Amino acid sequence: MASYKPLDLYYWPTPNGWKITVALEEMGLAYNVIPINISKGDQFKPEFLAISPNNKMPALVDPDGPGGMPISVFESGAILTYLGRKTGQFYPSDERARVEVEQWLMWQMGGFGPMLGQNHHFNHYAPEKIPYAIDRYVNETNRLYGVLNKQLAQHEFVAGAYSIADMAILGWAKLWERQGQKIEDFPHVKRWLDTLMARPAVQRGLAVAGELRNTSNMQDPAVRAVLFGQKAR
């Protein structure tokens, strides 16, 4: 495998952050973790906004980008496809196989992640319980797990071979209990999760900066204002 300079990963241990640490571990890439404490507002610092204008982590800086020049990448899906192209791993070059991976990656980016994120918010973080919102997102979560389960009934991994699409979905899917789901209702998802969670690289990726997870008091008004009261700046 080619030798690459270490990458700088701007990261916090959340489902979106885990996508990238798992990929980096699976691809055998060296990287430096730069914590972005989203509960303290690190995502609004000018130096971070310079590489992630949407003030969201993760973000990546590759000092050895195209043409040997540095490049920064924001949005987890864009980072995954960039790393797949850079290394030639877990992201096929064959067009049909690549489309299969990309459509499931977009499914995660456009649906599975955002809907499950809303599920988390209204179930665990909203200052008041709104039954309609909770039902809306728990039911949509259930539907999406059904879509995933049907796909995995036909394939060992979501796009056939193990790929960046699996890495993107994993961090959200492993929190099924927190989302009000019963994994027994989705046996093919359970089989897939068990397979992925047994991979050493996945275990290493999920453990990165694990001590930082759940260190914020989500009931603190200042923390909630940073995370949920964001306005244009």
Protein backbone atom coordinates (compact mmCIF):
# COMPACT_ATOMS: atom_id res chain seq x y z
CA MET A 1 0.00 0.00 0.00
CA ALA A 2 1.17 3.51 -0.78
CA SER A 3 2.67 5.60 2.00
CA TYR A 4 0.73 8.75 2.87
CA LYS A 5 1.36 11.67 5.17
CA PRO A 6 -0.85 11.67 8.29
CA LEU A 7 -4.23 13.30 7.82
CA ASP A 8 -5.76 15.81 10.22
CA LEU A 9 -9.22 14.74 11.35
CA TYR A 10 -11.46 17.31 13.04
CA TYR A 11 -13.66 15.06 15.10
CA TRP A 12 -16.04 14.40 17.96
CA PRO A 13 -17.22 10.86 18.89
CA THR A 14 -20.68 10.85 17.32
CA PRO A 15 -22.20 8.69 14.57
CA ASN A 16 -20.96 11.09 11.90
CA GLY A 17 -17.48 11.21 13.41
CA TRP A 18 -17.32 7.43 13.69
CA LYS A 19 -17.84 7.05 9.96
CA ILE A 20 -14.45 8.57 9.34
CA THR A 21 -12.45 6.97 12.15
CA VAL A 22 -13.75 3.55 11.11
CA ALA A 23 -12.81 4.25 7.48
CA LEU A 24 -9.36 5.49 8.42
CA GLU A 25 -8.74 2.42 10.55
CA GLU A 26 -10.03 0.08 7.85
CA MET A 27 -7.85 1.77 5.23
CA GLY A 28 -4.77 1.72 7.45
CA LEU A 29 -4.21 5.47 7.20
CA ALA A 30 -2.29 7.49 9.76
CA TYR A 31 -4.20 10.44 11.19
CA ASN A 32 -4.15 13.06 13.90
CA VAL A 33 -7.34 13.66 15.87
CA ILE A 34 -8.22 17.30 16.49
CA PRO A 35 -11.20 17.33 18.88
CA ILE A 36 -14.04 19.67 17.99
CA ASN A 37 -16.13 19.96 21.13
CA ILE A 38 -19.51 20.69 19.61
CA SER A 39 -21.09 21.37 23.01
CA LYS A 40 -18.63 24.19 23.67
CA GLY A 41 -18.85 25.81 20.25
CA ASP A 42 -15.51 24.76 18.76
CA GLN A 43 -17.35 24.36 15.44
CA PHE A 44 -17.77 28.14 15.24
CA LYS A 45 -14.11 29.01 15.54
CA PRO A 46 -12.77 30.79 12.44
CA GLU A 47 -10.00 28.26 11.89
CA PHE A 48 -12.57 25.45 11.76
CA LEU A 49 -15.03 27.37 9.59
CA ALA A 50 -12.23 27.88 7.09
CA ILE A 51 -12.36 24.14 6.34
CA SER A 52 -15.97 23.39 7.29
CA PRO A 53 -18.17 26.38 6.41
CA ASN A 54 -21.33 24.55 7.53
CA ASN A 55 -19.90 24.52 11.10
CA LYS A 56 -20.31 20.76 11.34
CA MET A 57 -17.80 18.07 12.01
CA PRO A 58 -16.18 15.87 10.82
CA ALA A 59 -13.78 17.61 8.49
CA LEU A 60 -10.50 16.39 7.06
CA VAL A 61 -7.30 18.02 5.90
CA ASP A 62 -5.00 15.97 3.70
CA PRO A 63 -1.53 17.55 3.44
CA ASP A 64 -0.82 15.31 0.47
CA GLY A 65 -3.88 15.99 -1.65
CA PRO A 66 -4.26 16.01 -5.44
CA GLY A 67 -1.08 17.17 -7.12
CA GLY A 68 0.74 16.91 -3.81
CA MET A 69 -1.05 20.00 -2.50
CA PRO A 70 -3.12 20.13 0.72
CA ILE A 71 -6.87 19.77 0.45
CA SER A 72 -9.65 20.11 3.01
CA VAL A 73 -12.90 18.18 2.83
CA PHE A 74 -16.10 18.65 4.82
CA GLU A 75 -19.29 16.50 4.94
CA SER A 76 -18.79 12.90 6.00
CA GLY A 77 -20.00 11.42 2.71
CA ALA A 78 -17.60 13.56 0.72
CA ILE A 79 -14.77 12.56 3.06
CA LEU A 80 -15.57 8.87 2.62
CA THR A 81 -15.63 9.04 -1.16
CA TYR A 82 -12.42 11.08 -1.17
CA LEU A 83 -10.65 8.52 0.98
CA GLY A 84 -12.02 5.71 -1.16
CA ARG A 85 -10.64 7.30 -4.31
CA LYS A 86 -7.34 8.17 -2.65
CA THR A 87 -6.65 4.65 -1.42
CA GLY A 88 -8.62 2.55 -3.89
CA GLN A 89 -10.24 0.76 -0.95
CA PHE A 90 -13.90 0.05 -0.10
CA TYR A 91 -15.09 2.19 -3.02
CA PRO A 92 -15.07 0.26 -6.30
CA SER A 93 -13.85 1.70 -9.58
CA ASP A 94 -16.33 -0.32 -11.64
CA GLU A 95 -19.19 2.04 -12.44
CA ARG A 96 -22.05 -0.32 -11.63
CA ALA A 97 -20.52 -1.33 -8.33
CA ARG A 98 -19.71 2.30 -7.53
CA VAL A 99 -23.29 3.40 -8.19
CA GLU A 100 -24.50 0.68 -5.82
CA VAL A 101 -22.24 2.02 -3.07
CA GLU A 102 -23.11 5.65 -3.78
CA GLN A 103 -26.85 5.18 -3.69
CA TRP A 104 -26.68 3.58 -0.24
CA LEU A 105 -24.25 6.23 0.95
CA MET A 106 -26.71 8.91 -0.23
CA TRP A 107 -29.54 6.99 1.46
CA GLN A 108 -27.66 7.28 4.72
CA MET A 109 -26.73 10.93 4.22
CA GLY A 110 -30.18 12.03 3.10
CA GLY A 111 -32.43 9.84 5.22
CA PHE A 112 -31.05 7.38 7.71
CA GLY A 113 -28.80 9.87 9.50
CA PRO A 114 -31.07 12.94 9.51
CA MET A 115 -34.22 11.04 10.49
CA LEU A 116 -32.49 9.12 13.26
CA GLY A 117 -30.92 12.36 14.42
CA GLN A 118 -34.38 13.90 14.77
CA ASN A 119 -35.46 10.75 16.62
CA HIS A 120 -32.62 11.30 19.10
CA HIS A 121 -33.49 14.96 19.48
CA PHE A 122 -37.19 14.64 20.22
CA ASN A 123 -36.78 11.53 22.36
CA HIS A 124 -33.81 12.64 24.44
CA TYR A 125 -33.00 16.34 24.10
CA ALA A 126 -36.14 18.35 23.38
CA PRO A 127 -37.15 20.44 26.41
CA GLU A 128 -40.70 19.15 26.13
CA LYS A 129 -42.05 15.83 24.96
CA ILE A 130 -44.05 16.30 21.77
CA PRO A 131 -45.90 13.03 21.07
CA TYR A 132 -46.50 13.83 17.39
CA ALA A 133 -42.81 14.51 16.75
CA ILE A 134 -41.69 11.45 18.69
CA ASP A 135 -44.13 9.20 16.84
CA ARG A 136 -43.20 10.75 13.49
CA TYR A 137 -39.49 10.08 13.84
CA VAL A 138 -39.70 6.74 15.64
CA ASN A 139 -42.02 5.48 12.90
CA GLU A 140 -39.77 6.81 10.14
CA THR A 141 -36.78 5.21 11.86
CA ASN A 142 -38.66 1.92 11.87
CA ARG A 143 -39.42 2.24 8.17
CA LEU A 144 -35.78 2.94 7.35
CA TYR A 145 -34.59 -0.05 9.35
CA GLY A 146 -37.07 -2.09 7.34
CA VAL A 147 -35.54 -0.83 4.09
CA LEU A 148 -32.07 -1.73 5.36
CA ASN A 149 -33.22 -5.13 6.59
CA LYS A 150 -34.73 -5.97 3.19
CA GLN A 151 -31.49 -5.02 1.43
CA LEU A 152 -29.38 -7.07 3.83
CA ALA A 153 -31.64 -10.07 3.35
CA GLN A 154 -30.19 -10.26 -0.16
CA HIS A 155 -26.60 -9.13 0.47
CA GLU A 156 -23.94 -9.80 3.06
CA PHE A 157 -23.16 -6.09 3.13
CA VAL A 158 -25.36 -3.21 2.11
CA ALA A 159 -23.92 -2.71 -1.38
CA GLY A 160 -22.70 -6.27 -1.94
CA ALA A 161 -19.05 -6.10 -0.87
CA TYR A 162 -18.01 -4.33 2.33
CA SER A 163 -17.71 -0.64 1.53
CA ILE A 164 -17.82 2.94 2.74
CA ALA A 165 -21.62 2.65 2.63
CA ASP A 166 -21.52 0.15 5.50
CA MET A 167 -19.16 2.42 7.43
CA ALA A 168 -21.54 5.35 6.98
CA ILE A 169 -24.59 3.45 8.22
CA LEU A 170 -22.99 1.56 11.09
CA GLY A 171 -22.57 4.38 13.61
CA TRP A 172 -26.26 5.25 13.46
CA ALA A 173 -27.56 1.68 13.30
CA LYS A 174 -25.68 0.53 16.38
CA LEU A 175 -27.81 2.95 18.43
CA TRP A 176 -31.07 1.15 17.57
CA GLU A 177 -32.15 0.80 21.21
CA ARG A 178 -31.77 4.53 21.81
CA GLN A 179 -34.02 5.05 18.77
CA GLY A 180 -36.91 3.02 20.19
CA GLN A 181 -36.34 0.00 17.95
CA LYS A 182 -36.23 -3.74 18.59
CA ILE A 183 -33.30 -5.29 16.75
CA GLU A 184 -35.09 -8.65 16.77
CA ASP A 185 -37.55 -7.14 14.30
CA PHE A 186 -34.68 -6.72 11.83
CA PRO A 187 -32.72 -10.00 11.88
CA HIS A 188 -30.65 -9.22 8.81
CA VAL A 189 -29.60 -5.87 10.26
CA LYS A 190 -28.66 -7.66 13.47
CA ARG A 191 -26.53 -10.17 11.58
CA TRP A 192 -24.84 -7.35 9.69
CA LEU A 193 -24.22 -5.33 12.84
CA ASP A 194 -22.74 -8.31 14.63
CA THR A 195 -20.42 -8.92 11.67
CA LEU A 196 -19.22 -5.33 11.53
CA MET A 197 -18.84 -4.91 15.27
CA ALA A 198 -16.54 -7.94 15.32
CA ARG A 199 -14.08 -6.29 12.92
CA PRO A 200 -10.95 -5.04 14.76
CA ALA A 201 -10.73 -1.87 12.65
CA VAL A 202 -14.36 -1.04 13.44
CA GLN A 203 -13.69 -1.54 17.14
CA ARG A 204 -10.66 0.75 16.97
CA GLY A 205 -12.54 3.40 15.00
CA LEU A 206 -15.48 3.46 17.41
CA ALA A 207 -13.12 3.74 20.37
CA VAL A 208 -11.32 6.88 19.16
CA ALA A 209 -11.65 9.58 21.84
CA GLY A 210 -14.38 7.53 23.44
CA GLU A 211 -13.66 9.15 26.77
CA LEU A 212 -15.04 12.41 25.36
CA ARG A 213 -18.47 10.99 24.57
CA ASN A 214 -21.27 11.95 26.93
CA THR A 215 -19.05 14.41 28.82
CA SER A 216 -21.45 17.30 28.23
CA ASN A 217 -24.44 18.02 30.44
CA MET A 218 -27.24 18.10 27.90
CA GLN A 219 -29.54 19.71 30.45
CA ASP A 220 -27.24 22.71 30.75
CA PRO A 221 -28.97 25.65 29.00
CA ALA A 222 -25.61 26.89 27.70
CA VAL A 223 -24.88 23.54 26.06
CA ARG A 224 -28.37 23.32 24.58
CA ALA A 225 -28.06 26.84 23.20
CA VAL A 226 -24.85 25.92 21.39
CA LEU A 227 -26.17 22.66 19.96
CA PHE A 228 -29.79 23.52 19.21
CA GLY A 229 -30.00 27.30 19.11
CA GLN A 230 -27.66 27.89 16.22
CA LYS A 231 -28.36 30.90 14.03
CA ALA A 232 -26.60 32.51 11.12
CA ARG A 233 -23.40 34.23 12.15
